[in-house]
Amino acid sequence: MAGVIAETRRLILRELQPSDFDALYDALADEEVSKYYPYVFDEARVHRWIDWSLENYRKEGFGLWAVCLKETGKLIGDCGLTLQNIDGRILPEIGFHIRRDCWRKGYATEAAIAVRDWAFQHTAFDALYSYCTADNVASYKTAEAAGLHFDHEYTDATGEREHVSVIYRKDFLK
């Protein structure tokens, strides 16, 4: 499989491709998956999401990657590393979106751990972050299951409370 970034027991993380549109749309256009986003993804936003990911690979050497079931090759979401504005600072963030019918099976945690390990092996970042709307308990619990811990909360420019988790390289290496 071209562009493979990481493999876990059950998953393959690989670079997204334009041909992933239908499967990624199935995940991101779900109102429950996008519940804590300011919008539900439509076709144009999913196309832009893939283009943004491809640009991140080119510019940064990382981005959001396709999360595929190892057994079938089926894309069930995305997970990866992007640079995000978190409380006024541009920081490396582990982000993830998993198709609703695949929730509560540990896939997001498994993918986030693979991204965490990849990032500490292939980048010089001293810390990795994950952030989400403070009401998105499932998301920050997934980050905690991947080894991150609560760092702080802040109110963003739209008035939304954001929950920030972090893991430091020095703690990861222990």
Protein backbone atom coordinates (compact mmCIF):
# COMPACT_ATOMS: atom_id res chain seq x y z
CA MET A 1 0.00 0.00 0.00
CA ALA A 2 1.57 3.27 -1.15
CA GLY A 3 2.26 6.04 1.35
CA VAL A 4 2.04 3.85 4.47
CA ILE A 5 3.02 5.87 7.54
CA ALA A 6 2.37 3.39 10.34
CA GLU A 7 0.82 0.01 11.06
CA THR A 8 -0.77 -1.16 14.28
CA ARG A 9 -2.30 -4.46 15.22
CA ARG A 10 -5.56 -3.59 13.44
CA LEU A 11 -4.88 -0.44 11.41
CA ILE A 12 -2.84 1.01 8.60
CA LEU A 13 -2.23 4.75 8.53
CA ARG A 14 -1.38 6.02 5.06
CA GLU A 15 -1.41 9.25 3.12
CA LEU A 16 -4.83 10.38 1.99
CA GLN A 17 -5.47 10.40 -1.75
CA PRO A 18 -8.13 12.16 -3.84
CA SER A 19 -9.66 8.72 -4.48
CA ASP A 20 -10.45 8.50 -0.73
CA PHE A 21 -13.17 11.14 -1.14
CA ASP A 22 -16.22 8.85 -0.87
CA ALA A 23 -15.01 6.99 2.22
CA LEU A 24 -13.81 10.17 3.95
CA TYR A 25 -17.07 11.94 3.09
CA ASP A 26 -18.98 9.05 4.73
CA ALA A 27 -17.06 9.75 7.95
CA LEU A 28 -16.83 13.55 8.01
CA ALA A 29 -20.31 14.39 6.68
CA ASP A 30 -21.95 12.55 9.59
CA GLU A 31 -23.57 15.11 11.92
CA GLU A 32 -22.48 13.16 15.02
CA VAL A 33 -18.84 12.98 13.86
CA SER A 34 -18.88 16.73 13.15
CA LYS A 35 -20.94 17.60 16.23
CA TYR A 36 -18.19 19.71 17.82
CA TYR A 37 -17.07 21.37 14.58
CA PRO A 38 -18.53 24.73 13.59
CA TYR A 39 -20.07 22.98 10.55
CA VAL A 40 -20.94 19.58 9.12
CA PHE A 41 -18.65 18.69 6.22
CA ASP A 42 -20.20 18.95 2.77
CA GLU A 43 -18.61 17.69 -0.46
CA ALA A 44 -16.63 20.88 -1.06
CA ARG A 45 -15.23 20.86 2.49
CA VAL A 46 -14.16 17.22 2.21
CA HIS A 47 -12.37 17.97 -1.09
CA ARG A 48 -10.63 20.93 0.60
CA TRP A 49 -9.77 18.70 3.60
CA ILE A 50 -8.01 16.20 1.32
CA ASP A 51 -6.23 19.03 -0.56
CA TRP A 52 -5.14 20.56 2.77
CA SER A 53 -3.77 17.21 3.88
CA LEU A 54 -1.84 16.75 0.62
CA GLU A 55 -0.40 20.26 1.01
CA ASN A 56 0.63 19.50 4.60
CA TYR A 57 2.49 16.37 3.45
CA ARG A 58 4.37 18.48 0.93
CA LYS A 59 5.11 21.44 3.23
CA GLU A 60 5.47 19.83 6.65
CA GLY A 61 6.19 16.16 5.94
CA PHE A 62 3.10 15.15 7.94
CA GLY A 63 -0.64 15.74 8.07
CA LEU A 64 -3.88 13.89 8.61
CA TRP A 65 -3.57 10.34 7.32
CA ALA A 66 -6.18 7.82 6.23
CA VAL A 67 -7.04 5.32 8.97
CA CYS A 68 -7.74 1.97 7.29
CA LEU A 69 -8.71 -1.39 8.73
CA LYS A 70 -5.79 -3.73 8.18
CA GLU A 71 -8.10 -6.70 7.57
CA THR A 72 -10.10 -5.09 4.73
CA GLY A 73 -8.20 -1.94 3.70
CA LYS A 74 -11.41 0.06 4.25
CA LEU A 75 -10.89 3.72 5.24
CA ILE A 76 -12.73 4.47 8.51
CA GLY A 77 -11.49 8.00 9.19
CA ASP A 78 -8.37 10.08 9.54
CA CYS A 79 -5.76 10.69 12.20
CA GLY A 80 -2.51 12.56 12.08
CA LEU A 81 -0.35 15.45 13.05
CA THR A 82 -1.06 19.05 12.00
CA LEU A 83 0.07 22.45 13.15
CA GLN A 84 -2.81 24.23 14.88
CA ASN A 85 -3.41 27.55 16.60
CA ILE A 86 -3.97 26.46 20.17
CA ASP A 87 -4.49 29.34 22.59
CA GLY A 88 -2.55 31.73 20.35
CA ARG A 89 0.42 29.43 19.68
CA ILE A 90 1.08 27.25 16.61
CA LEU A 91 1.54 23.77 18.07
CA PRO A 92 1.74 20.20 16.75
CA GLU A 93 -1.64 18.57 17.31
CA ILE A 94 -2.78 14.97 17.09
CA GLY A 95 -6.25 15.02 15.57
CA PHE A 96 -8.65 12.24 14.61
CA HIS A 97 -12.07 11.53 13.14
CA ILE A 98 -13.48 8.01 13.05
CA ARG A 99 -16.66 6.90 11.29
CA ARG A 100 -19.51 6.59 13.78
CA ASP A 101 -20.14 2.88 13.19
CA CYS A 102 -16.52 2.30 14.24
CA TRP A 103 -16.74 4.21 17.53
CA ARG A 104 -16.06 2.51 20.87
CA LYS A 105 -13.75 -0.08 19.36
CA GLY A 106 -10.47 1.62 20.29
CA TYR A 107 -9.56 2.61 16.72
CA ALA A 108 -9.10 6.33 17.48
CA THR A 109 -6.85 5.54 20.44
CA GLU A 110 -4.85 3.00 18.45
CA ALA A 111 -4.39 5.48 15.60
CA ALA A 112 -3.50 8.36 17.97
CA ILE A 113 -0.84 6.20 19.68
CA ALA A 114 0.65 5.37 16.27
CA VAL A 115 0.73 9.10 15.39
CA ARG A 116 2.26 9.97 18.78
CA ASP A 117 4.99 7.36 18.30
CA TRP A 118 5.62 8.43 14.70
CA ALA A 119 5.85 12.10 15.70
CA PHE A 120 8.38 11.51 18.46
CA GLN A 121 10.46 9.31 16.15
CA HIS A 122 10.33 11.54 13.05
CA THR A 123 10.09 15.11 14.31
CA ALA A 124 11.95 17.28 16.80
CA PHE A 125 8.82 18.45 18.63
CA ASP A 126 9.31 18.51 22.41
CA ALA A 127 5.58 18.15 23.01
CA LEU A 128 2.45 17.02 21.19
CA TYR A 129 -0.99 18.41 21.85
CA SER A 130 -4.60 17.54 21.27
CA TYR A 131 -7.41 20.01 21.71
CA CYS A 132 -11.16 19.99 21.36
CA THR A 133 -14.28 21.70 22.58
CA ALA A 134 -14.42 21.17 26.34
CA ASP A 135 -17.80 19.42 25.97
CA ASN A 136 -16.23 16.80 23.66
CA VAL A 137 -15.41 14.37 26.46
CA ALA A 138 -14.94 11.39 24.11
CA SER A 139 -12.22 13.24 22.21
CA TYR A 140 -10.15 14.27 25.20
CA LYS A 141 -10.60 10.84 26.79
CA THR A 142 -9.18 9.35 23.59
CA ALA A 143 -6.20 11.70 23.87
CA GLU A 144 -5.72 10.61 27.49
CA ALA A 145 -5.86 6.95 26.45
CA ALA A 146 -3.05 7.75 24.00
CA GLY A 147 -0.89 9.06 26.85
CA LEU A 148 -1.67 12.78 26.80
CA HIS A 149 -2.84 14.54 29.94
CA PHE A 150 -4.86 17.65 30.70
CA ASP A 151 -2.86 20.85 30.27
CA HIS A 152 -5.36 23.71 30.39
CA GLU A 153 -8.62 25.14 29.10
CA TYR A 154 -9.12 28.45 27.35
CA THR A 155 -11.85 30.37 25.59
CA ASP A 156 -11.31 30.73 21.84
CA ALA A 157 -12.19 33.73 19.65
CA THR A 158 -15.75 32.43 19.14
CA GLY A 159 -16.35 32.12 22.89
CA GLU A 160 -16.04 28.32 22.85
CA ARG A 161 -14.25 26.65 25.79
CA GLU A 162 -11.36 24.49 24.53
CA HIS A 163 -9.74 21.58 26.38
CA VAL A 164 -6.00 21.09 25.75
CA SER A 165 -4.05 17.91 26.43
CA VAL A 166 -0.30 17.40 26.06
CA ILE A 167 2.46 14.81 26.17
CA TYR A 168 6.10 15.84 26.49
CA ARG A 169 8.91 14.02 24.74
CA LYS A 170 10.82 13.66 28.03
CA ASP A 171 7.84 11.88 29.60
CA PHE A 172 7.28 9.72 26.51
CA LEU A 173 10.88 8.50 26.60
CA LYS A 174 10.67 7.37 30.27
